[in-house]
Amino acid sequence: MNLVWKLLRKHISIPQLAGFALANLAGMTIVMLGLQFYTDTQAVYRSEDSFMKSTYIIINKPVSTIQALTGRSSVFTLGEIQKLAEQPFVERMGKFASSAFDVKATFGLDATTNFSTEMFFEAVPDEFVDVNTDDWTYKAGEREVPIILPRNYLDLYNFGYAQSRNLPKLSEGVLGAIRIGIEVSGGRRQDFDGRIVGFSNRLNTILVPWSFMNWANVEYAGTTDAAPTRLIAEVGNPADERIAAYLQDNNYETDRDKLDASKTTYMLRLIVGIVMTVGLVICILSLYILMLSVYLLVEKNSTKLENLLLIGYSPARVAMPYQLLTVGLNLLVLVLATVLLIVIRQYYLDMFRSFFPDFNVPAISTAVGVGVVLLLIVSIFNIITIYTKVMTIWKRKN
């Protein structure tokens, strides 16, 4: 083994190996940083609206003065729903179900301060709500009902009502711990306990599980499936120009700000994909540089390596120093890339925290995991290739 190491040190090309290490470091850092940046930005979006994907859009018909005066309905017909579902930019679609029964909610901050208000419920199919399954379930007859509230309701209370009445302000965590008394009435009256499981920036409605809405509409209003006034659609590409054109042609409306946010998310995903592809290409080119360096190194020593094989060294022992060299370089690159990832990431995390104080910082385990996978793939390829080259010399000896 010492003889092989002496041959390796004698003919090793420091510039070639340094070129590989730098190129591989650049590629590995780009891949890991791109993936981590996307993970961090998605965490920002999830912190803003944790239960609804950015590729969902809400569609409704505009309420005009003529409709208000004539009493014309703004519901979607079955034909309109089917036509929209068949559009190429729609991956799946659901409809909003509204409560056909009366709802009254009561909650108290303390023994003397209570609030009571008339309200309404809406529901969408459960596959459009991205929350913990255990938190978003309801079985007929249960007393507890999970609820998702619009975040602007909390803002109105904190910065409007509570401010003017000198009442305590409520955080999302505090309000989530408060049980809301819900009185449902129609054909008969019944009390429930409401439990807030999330807040939404994208839906200006009070959301309950689909199973509760279907059961309650039948139980308290004697009605089944009513025509919806709003639809929810999942689109593959929110930046698709056909979406805006279709909505305009059919006189439909959607929240333009949320559609723009969806487009931003899509473009971010696209840019990150391109950046990571560039990083992978750099990694592949650096792998080629390394293999070229090792091939030249082995070729320079081919006669001496053949002599080592002749005196009894096995091909595996002859190949091992070269394999350890490449694996060691790959491991060094992974460590340096992780350090660079942490340093660079700290700069944009400070900016994220300044805009989003409640931002939950994700771990870097996914990015490091991808780096480890790349390390294993490259190292295995290096080991096999070097052993194959030594075996070629072994066969030539024979």
Protein backbone atom coordinates (compact mmCIF):
# COMPACT_ATOMS: atom_id res chain seq x y z
CA MET A 1 0.00 0.00 0.00
CA ASN A 2 2.84 2.41 0.82
CA LEU A 3 4.37 1.81 -2.63
CA VAL A 4 1.12 2.79 -4.31
CA TRP A 5 0.84 5.92 -2.17
CA LYS A 6 4.39 6.91 -3.10
CA LEU A 7 3.54 6.54 -6.80
CA LEU A 8 0.36 8.56 -6.26
CA ARG A 9 2.13 11.43 -4.51
CA LYS A 10 4.91 11.50 -7.11
CA HIS A 11 2.65 12.00 -10.12
CA ILE A 12 -0.36 13.72 -8.60
CA SER A 13 -1.52 16.92 -10.33
CA ILE A 14 -2.54 19.47 -7.72
CA PRO A 15 -4.03 21.96 -10.25
CA GLN A 16 -6.23 19.27 -11.82
CA LEU A 17 -7.55 18.05 -8.49
CA ALA A 18 -8.03 21.62 -7.28
CA GLY A 19 -9.99 22.38 -10.46
CA PHE A 20 -12.25 19.41 -9.79
CA ALA A 21 -12.74 20.37 -6.16
CA LEU A 22 -13.65 23.97 -6.97
CA ALA A 23 -16.01 23.01 -9.79
CA ASN A 24 -17.68 20.32 -7.68
CA LEU A 25 -17.92 22.74 -4.75
CA ALA A 26 -19.67 25.31 -6.95
CA GLY A 27 -22.09 22.75 -8.35
CA MET A 28 -22.84 21.14 -4.99
CA THR A 29 -23.38 24.53 -3.32
CA ILE A 30 -25.74 25.69 -6.08
CA VAL A 31 -27.84 22.53 -5.85
CA MET A 32 -28.05 22.55 -2.04
CA LEU A 33 -28.61 26.31 -1.77
CA GLY A 34 -31.29 26.29 -4.47
CA LEU A 35 -33.19 23.50 -2.75
CA GLN A 36 -32.84 25.11 0.68
CA PHE A 37 -33.93 28.53 -0.59
CA TYR A 38 -37.05 27.00 -2.12
CA THR A 39 -37.77 25.13 1.14
CA ASP A 40 -37.39 28.34 3.14
CA THR A 41 -39.61 30.40 0.84
CA GLN A 42 -42.29 27.71 0.94
CA ALA A 43 -42.14 27.87 4.73
CA VAL A 44 -42.89 31.60 4.44
CA TYR A 45 -45.96 30.87 2.31
CA ARG A 46 -47.07 28.11 4.68
CA SER A 47 -46.75 30.44 7.65
CA GLU A 48 -49.02 32.90 5.86
CA ASP A 49 -51.67 30.36 4.87
CA SER A 50 -50.78 26.92 6.08
CA PHE A 51 -53.73 24.95 4.81
CA MET A 52 -54.18 25.97 1.19
CA LYS A 53 -51.76 25.45 -1.69
CA SER A 54 -50.69 28.42 -3.79
CA THR A 55 -51.95 26.71 -6.95
CA TYR A 56 -55.60 27.00 -5.83
CA ILE A 57 -57.73 29.85 -7.15
CA ILE A 58 -61.21 30.88 -6.05
CA ILE A 59 -63.69 31.69 -8.84
CA ASN A 60 -67.02 33.49 -8.52
CA LYS A 61 -69.41 35.53 -10.62
CA PRO A 62 -69.46 39.31 -10.09
CA VAL A 63 -72.42 40.80 -8.26
CA SER A 64 -73.71 43.66 -10.42
CA THR A 65 -76.31 46.34 -9.80
CA ILE A 66 -78.66 44.71 -12.31
CA GLN A 67 -78.43 41.40 -10.45
CA ALA A 68 -79.16 43.14 -7.17
CA LEU A 69 -82.23 44.93 -8.59
CA THR A 70 -83.64 42.00 -10.55
CA GLY A 71 -82.78 39.33 -8.01
CA ARG A 72 -80.86 37.25 -10.55
CA SER A 73 -78.77 34.53 -9.00
CA SER A 74 -74.97 34.40 -9.24
CA VAL A 75 -74.76 30.62 -8.80
CA PHE A 76 -72.89 28.35 -11.18
CA THR A 77 -74.94 25.98 -13.28
CA LEU A 78 -73.96 22.35 -13.81
CA GLY A 79 -72.98 23.14 -17.41
CA GLU A 80 -70.73 26.02 -16.37
CA ILE A 81 -69.02 23.86 -13.75
CA GLN A 82 -68.47 21.03 -16.25
CA LYS A 83 -67.10 23.44 -18.87
CA LEU A 84 -64.64 24.96 -16.41
CA ALA A 85 -63.51 21.53 -15.19
CA GLU A 86 -62.71 20.53 -18.79
CA GLN A 87 -60.32 23.44 -19.35
CA PRO A 88 -56.71 22.29 -19.97
CA PHE A 89 -55.29 24.51 -17.22
CA VAL A 90 -57.55 22.98 -14.53
CA GLU A 91 -56.19 19.87 -12.81
CA ARG A 92 -59.10 19.38 -10.43
CA MET A 93 -62.01 21.44 -9.21
CA GLY A 94 -64.41 21.60 -6.29
CA LYS A 95 -67.27 23.76 -5.20
CA PHE A 96 -68.12 25.69 -2.06
CA ALA A 97 -71.04 24.46 0.01
CA SER A 98 -72.84 27.07 2.10
CA SER A 99 -74.81 26.56 5.29
CA ALA A 100 -78.57 26.58 4.72
CA PHE A 101 -79.21 26.80 8.48
CA ASP A 102 -78.79 29.59 11.04
CA VAL A 103 -75.53 29.82 12.99
CA LYS A 104 -74.80 31.82 16.13
CA ALA A 105 -71.35 31.87 17.77
CA THR A 106 -70.42 32.85 21.31
CA PHE A 107 -67.01 33.02 22.92
CA GLY A 108 -65.68 34.65 26.04
CA LEU A 109 -62.33 36.16 26.94
CA ASP A 110 -63.00 35.95 30.68
CA ALA A 111 -65.86 35.59 33.10
CA THR A 112 -67.26 39.04 32.30
CA THR A 113 -66.37 39.61 28.63
CA ASN A 114 -68.39 37.60 26.12
CA PHE A 115 -69.07 38.04 22.42
CA SER A 116 -72.01 36.74 20.44
CA THR A 117 -72.67 37.10 16.72
CA GLU A 118 -74.65 35.68 13.86
CA MET A 119 -72.41 33.95 11.36
CA PHE A 120 -72.32 31.48 8.48
CA PHE A 121 -70.33 28.43 7.44
CA GLU A 122 -68.86 27.30 4.14
CA ALA A 123 -67.01 24.14 3.17
CA VAL A 124 -64.86 22.84 0.33
CA PRO A 125 -63.91 19.21 -0.39
CA ASP A 126 -61.32 17.99 2.10
CA GLU A 127 -58.68 17.32 -0.57
CA PHE A 128 -58.39 21.10 -1.06
CA VAL A 129 -57.60 21.69 2.63
CA ASP A 130 -54.00 20.95 3.58
CA VAL A 131 -54.13 20.47 7.35
CA ASN A 132 -53.45 17.59 9.70
CA THR A 133 -56.02 14.91 8.93
CA ASP A 134 -56.71 14.37 12.62
CA ASP A 135 -57.55 18.07 13.02
CA TRP A 136 -59.92 18.26 10.06
CA THR A 137 -62.42 15.45 10.61
CA TYR A 138 -66.04 15.31 11.69
CA LYS A 139 -68.42 12.41 12.24
CA ALA A 140 -72.16 12.86 12.38
CA GLY A 141 -73.32 13.60 15.92
CA GLU A 142 -69.97 14.75 17.31
CA ARG A 143 -70.05 17.86 19.48
CA GLU A 144 -66.72 19.41 18.41
CA VAL A 145 -66.43 21.13 15.02
CA PRO A 146 -63.04 22.25 13.60
CA ILE A 147 -63.04 25.73 12.06
CA ILE A 148 -60.71 27.80 9.87
CA LEU A 149 -61.16 31.57 10.22
CA PRO A 150 -60.10 34.43 7.93
CA ARG A 151 -57.03 36.13 9.37
CA ASN A 152 -58.53 39.56 8.70
CA TYR A 153 -61.29 38.79 11.24
CA LEU A 154 -58.61 38.60 13.91
CA ASP A 155 -57.03 41.82 12.60
CA LEU A 156 -60.38 43.62 12.74
CA TYR A 157 -60.81 42.61 16.35
CA ASN A 158 -57.25 43.44 17.47
CA PHE A 159 -56.84 46.76 15.65
CA GLY A 160 -60.46 47.89 15.62
CA TYR A 161 -62.82 46.58 18.24
CA ALA A 162 -60.28 45.73 20.98
CA GLN A 163 -58.40 48.99 20.43
CA SER A 164 -61.51 51.12 20.87
CA ARG A 165 -62.85 49.16 23.89
CA ASN A 166 -59.51 48.70 25.71
CA LEU A 167 -59.90 44.95 25.49
CA PRO A 168 -56.97 42.52 25.38
CA LYS A 169 -55.58 41.70 21.98
CA LEU A 170 -55.55 38.08 20.90
CA SER A 171 -52.85 36.15 19.10
CA GLU A 172 -53.61 33.23 16.83
CA GLY A 173 -52.32 30.83 19.47
CA VAL A 174 -54.55 32.27 22.19
CA LEU A 175 -57.63 32.33 19.99
CA GLY A 176 -56.91 28.77 18.88
CA ALA A 177 -57.07 27.66 22.51
CA ILE A 178 -60.49 29.28 23.08
CA ARG A 179 -63.53 27.07 22.58
CA ILE A 180 -66.32 28.78 20.66
CA GLY A 181 -69.92 28.00 21.50
CA ILE A 182 -71.88 27.39 18.30
CA GLU A 183 -75.67 27.35 18.17
CA VAL A 184 -77.15 25.76 15.06
CA SER A 185 -80.85 26.09 14.34
CA GLY A 186 -83.21 25.20 11.55
CA GLY A 187 -85.76 22.47 11.92
CA ARG A 188 -84.40 22.15 15.46
CA ARG A 189 -81.69 23.68 17.64
CA GLN A 190 -78.40 22.16 18.84
CA ASP A 191 -75.19 23.41 20.47
CA PHE A 192 -71.63 22.56 19.34
CA ASP A 193 -68.10 23.44 20.42
CA GLY A 194 -66.01 25.15 17.76
CA ARG A 195 -62.25 24.59 17.72
CA ILE A 196 -60.08 26.91 15.57
CA VAL A 197 -57.41 24.90 13.73
CA GLY A 198 -56.08 27.58 11.36
CA PHE A 199 -56.30 31.06 9.87
CA SER A 200 -56.50 31.98 6.21
CA ASN A 201 -55.35 34.93 4.14
CA ARG A 202 -56.82 33.53 0.95
CA LEU A 203 -60.40 32.78 1.97
CA ASN A 204 -62.71 35.41 3.35
CA THR A 205 -65.05 32.84 4.83
CA ILE A 206 -65.53 30.60 7.86
CA LEU A 207 -64.58 27.10 6.80
CA VAL A 208 -65.82 23.83 8.34
CA PRO A 209 -65.24 20.22 7.20
CA TRP A 210 -67.16 19.02 4.16
CA SER A 211 -68.63 16.11 6.13
CA PHE A 212 -70.09 18.46 8.75
CA MET A 213 -71.64 20.75 6.15
CA ASN A 214 -73.34 17.89 4.27
CA TRP A 215 -74.66 16.35 7.48
CA ALA A 216 -75.82 19.66 9.02
CA ASN A 217 -77.58 20.90 5.87
CA VAL A 218 -79.66 17.73 5.78
CA GLU A 219 -80.16 17.58 9.54
CA TYR A 220 -81.13 21.22 10.18
CA ALA A 221 -82.30 22.58 6.80
CA GLY A 222 -83.61 19.48 5.06
CA THR A 223 -81.63 20.32 1.94
CA THR A 224 -79.01 18.40 -0.02
CA ASP A 225 -76.66 19.71 -2.69
CA ALA A 226 -77.38 23.37 -3.53
CA ALA A 227 -75.97 25.21 -6.56
CA PRO A 228 -72.64 26.85 -5.55
CA THR A 229 -71.81 30.54 -5.86
CA ARG A 230 -68.04 29.96 -5.68
CA LEU A 231 -65.68 27.34 -7.09
CA ILE A 232 -62.16 26.32 -6.11
CA ALA A 233 -59.78 25.08 -8.82
CA GLU A 234 -56.27 23.68 -8.74
CA VAL A 235 -54.24 24.85 -11.72
CA GLY A 236 -50.93 23.41 -12.86
CA ASN A 237 -49.47 26.77 -13.87
CA PRO A 238 -50.94 29.91 -12.26
CA ALA A 239 -48.97 32.00 -14.79
CA ASP A 240 -50.89 30.43 -17.68
CA GLU A 241 -52.38 33.29 -19.73
CA ARG A 242 -55.37 31.10 -20.61
CA ILE A 243 -56.67 31.40 -17.03
CA ALA A 244 -57.12 35.18 -17.15
CA ALA A 245 -58.49 34.99 -20.70
CA TYR A 246 -61.08 32.34 -19.78
CA LEU A 247 -62.21 34.24 -16.69
CA GLN A 248 -62.58 37.44 -18.69
CA ASP A 249 -64.43 35.77 -21.58
CA ASN A 250 -66.94 34.19 -19.19
CA ASN A 251 -67.24 37.21 -16.89
CA TYR A 252 -65.86 35.36 -13.87
CA GLU A 253 -63.84 36.89 -11.06
CA THR A 254 -60.96 35.76 -8.87
CA ASP A 255 -58.76 37.48 -6.32
CA ARG A 256 -56.14 39.12 -8.53
CA ASP A 257 -53.64 39.53 -5.69
CA LYS A 258 -53.82 35.83 -4.84
CA LEU A 259 -53.49 34.88 -8.51
CA ASP A 260 -50.41 37.09 -8.76
CA ALA A 261 -49.00 35.41 -5.64
CA SER A 262 -49.62 32.02 -7.24
CA LYS A 263 -47.79 33.16 -10.35
CA THR A 264 -44.89 34.34 -8.20
CA THR A 265 -44.70 30.96 -6.48
CA TYR A 266 -44.75 29.16 -9.81
CA MET A 267 -42.02 31.37 -11.26
CA LEU A 268 -39.94 30.87 -8.12
CA ARG A 269 -40.29 27.10 -8.48
CA LEU A 270 -39.31 27.36 -12.15
CA ILE A 271 -36.26 29.54 -11.43
CA VAL A 272 -35.08 27.28 -8.62
CA GLY A 273 -35.46 24.29 -10.94
CA ILE A 274 -33.30 26.00 -13.57
CA VAL A 275 -30.66 26.98 -11.00
CA MET A 276 -30.51 23.44 -9.61
CA THR A 277 -30.20 22.06 -13.13
CA VAL A 278 -27.23 24.36 -13.74
CA GLY A 279 -25.71 23.14 -10.48
CA LEU A 280 -26.16 19.51 -11.52
CA VAL A 281 -24.52 20.23 -14.88
CA ILE A 282 -21.54 21.79 -13.08
CA CYS A 283 -21.34 18.71 -10.82
CA ILE A 284 -21.32 16.44 -13.87
CA LEU A 285 -18.58 18.50 -15.54
CA SER A 286 -16.53 18.45 -12.35
CA LEU A 287 -16.94 14.68 -12.24
CA TYR A 288 -15.56 14.52 -15.76
CA ILE A 289 -12.56 16.65 -14.69
CA LEU A 290 -11.89 14.31 -11.78
CA MET A 291 -12.13 11.18 -13.90
CA LEU A 292 -9.83 12.71 -16.49
CA SER A 293 -7.32 13.55 -13.76
CA VAL A 294 -7.45 10.05 -12.27
CA TYR A 295 -7.22 8.44 -15.70
CA LEU A 296 -4.12 10.48 -16.50
CA LEU A 297 -2.66 9.68 -13.09
CA VAL A 298 -3.24 5.94 -13.52
CA GLU A 299 -1.96 6.03 -17.09
CA LYS A 300 1.29 7.71 -16.01
CA ASN A 301 1.80 4.96 -13.44
CA SER A 302 0.49 2.09 -15.59
CA THR A 303 3.90 0.40 -15.93
CA LYS A 304 4.66 0.63 -12.22
CA LEU A 305 1.14 -0.46 -11.30
CA GLU A 306 1.54 -3.44 -13.62
CA ASN A 307 4.75 -4.34 -11.77
CA LEU A 308 2.90 -4.15 -8.45
CA LEU A 309 0.27 -6.52 -9.83
CA LEU A 310 3.04 -8.86 -11.01
CA ILE A 311 4.61 -9.08 -7.53
CA GLY A 312 1.30 -10.08 -5.94
CA TYR A 313 -0.75 -6.94 -5.22
CA SER A 314 -4.44 -7.49 -5.95
CA PRO A 315 -6.34 -5.07 -8.25
CA ALA A 316 -8.46 -3.97 -5.25
CA ARG A 317 -5.36 -2.98 -3.21
CA VAL A 318 -3.85 -1.15 -6.15
CA ALA A 319 -7.08 0.77 -6.82
CA MET A 320 -7.79 1.62 -3.17
CA PRO A 321 -5.50 4.68 -2.80
CA TYR A 322 -6.99 6.31 -5.89
CA GLN A 323 -10.50 5.50 -4.66
CA LEU A 324 -9.78 6.93 -1.21
CA LEU A 325 -8.40 10.09 -2.83
CA THR A 326 -11.58 10.71 -4.83
CA VAL A 327 -13.92 9.84 -1.94
CA GLY A 328 -11.91 12.11 0.37
CA LEU A 329 -12.17 14.99 -2.11
CA ASN A 330 -15.91 14.43 -2.49
CA LEU A 331 -16.38 14.38 1.28
CA LEU A 332 -14.34 17.59 1.65
CA VAL A 333 -16.50 19.25 -1.02
CA LEU A 334 -19.70 18.23 0.83
CA VAL A 335 -18.43 19.68 4.11
CA LEU A 336 -17.37 22.96 2.48
CA ALA A 337 -20.66 23.19 0.56
CA THR A 338 -22.61 22.73 3.81
CA VAL A 339 -20.58 25.49 5.48
CA LEU A 340 -21.20 27.83 2.53
CA LEU A 341 -24.91 26.94 2.62
CA ILE A 342 -25.16 27.91 6.30
CA VAL A 343 -23.25 31.17 5.81
CA ILE A 344 -25.16 32.31 2.71
CA ARG A 345 -28.50 31.21 4.13
CA GLN A 346 -28.04 33.34 7.21
CA TYR A 347 -28.08 36.50 5.11
CA TYR A 348 -31.48 35.95 3.53
CA LEU A 349 -32.97 34.43 6.71
CA ASP A 350 -32.37 37.76 8.48
CA MET A 351 -34.37 39.46 5.75
CA PHE A 352 -37.17 36.88 6.02
CA ARG A 353 -37.39 37.40 9.78
CA SER A 354 -37.62 41.17 9.38
CA PHE A 355 -40.69 40.81 7.13
CA PHE A 356 -42.19 37.73 8.80
CA PRO A 357 -41.47 37.71 12.55
CA ASP A 358 -43.38 34.43 13.04
CA PHE A 359 -41.43 32.69 10.30
CA ASN A 360 -40.55 29.14 11.36
CA VAL A 361 -37.04 28.38 10.08
CA PRO A 362 -36.90 24.93 8.43
CA ALA A 363 -33.98 22.60 9.06
CA ILE A 364 -31.29 22.11 6.43
CA SER A 365 -31.64 18.33 6.62
CA THR A 366 -33.27 18.04 3.18
CA ALA A 367 -30.54 20.02 1.40
CA VAL A 368 -27.78 18.18 3.25
CA GLY A 369 -29.51 14.90 2.48
CA VAL A 370 -29.48 15.73 -1.23
CA GLY A 371 -25.77 16.59 -0.91
CA VAL A 372 -25.09 13.22 0.72
CA VAL A 373 -26.98 11.45 -2.06
CA LEU A 374 -24.90 13.28 -4.68
CA LEU A 375 -21.74 12.37 -2.72
CA LEU A 376 -22.69 8.68 -2.68
CA ILE A 377 -23.58 8.63 -6.39
CA VAL A 378 -20.36 10.37 -7.45
CA SER A 379 -18.20 8.31 -5.09
CA ILE A 380 -19.69 4.99 -6.19
CA PHE A 381 -19.17 5.98 -9.81
CA ASN A 382 -15.57 6.97 -9.05
CA ILE A 383 -14.84 3.72 -7.22
CA ILE A 384 -16.27 1.56 -10.00
CA THR A 385 -14.50 3.51 -12.75
CA ILE A 386 -11.08 3.41 -11.03
CA TYR A 387 -11.40 -0.30 -10.33
CA THR A 388 -12.36 -0.90 -13.96
CA LYS A 389 -9.27 1.01 -15.13
CA VAL A 390 -6.98 -1.04 -12.84
CA MET A 391 -8.62 -4.25 -14.05
CA THR A 392 -7.79 -3.18 -17.60
CA ILE A 393 -4.10 -3.02 -16.61
CA TRP A 394 -4.47 -6.41 -14.87
CA LYS A 395 -5.92 -8.00 -18.00
CA ARG A 396 -3.20 -6.43 -20.13
CA LYS A 397 -0.61 -7.97 -17.78
CA ASN A 398 -2.13 -11.36 -18.32
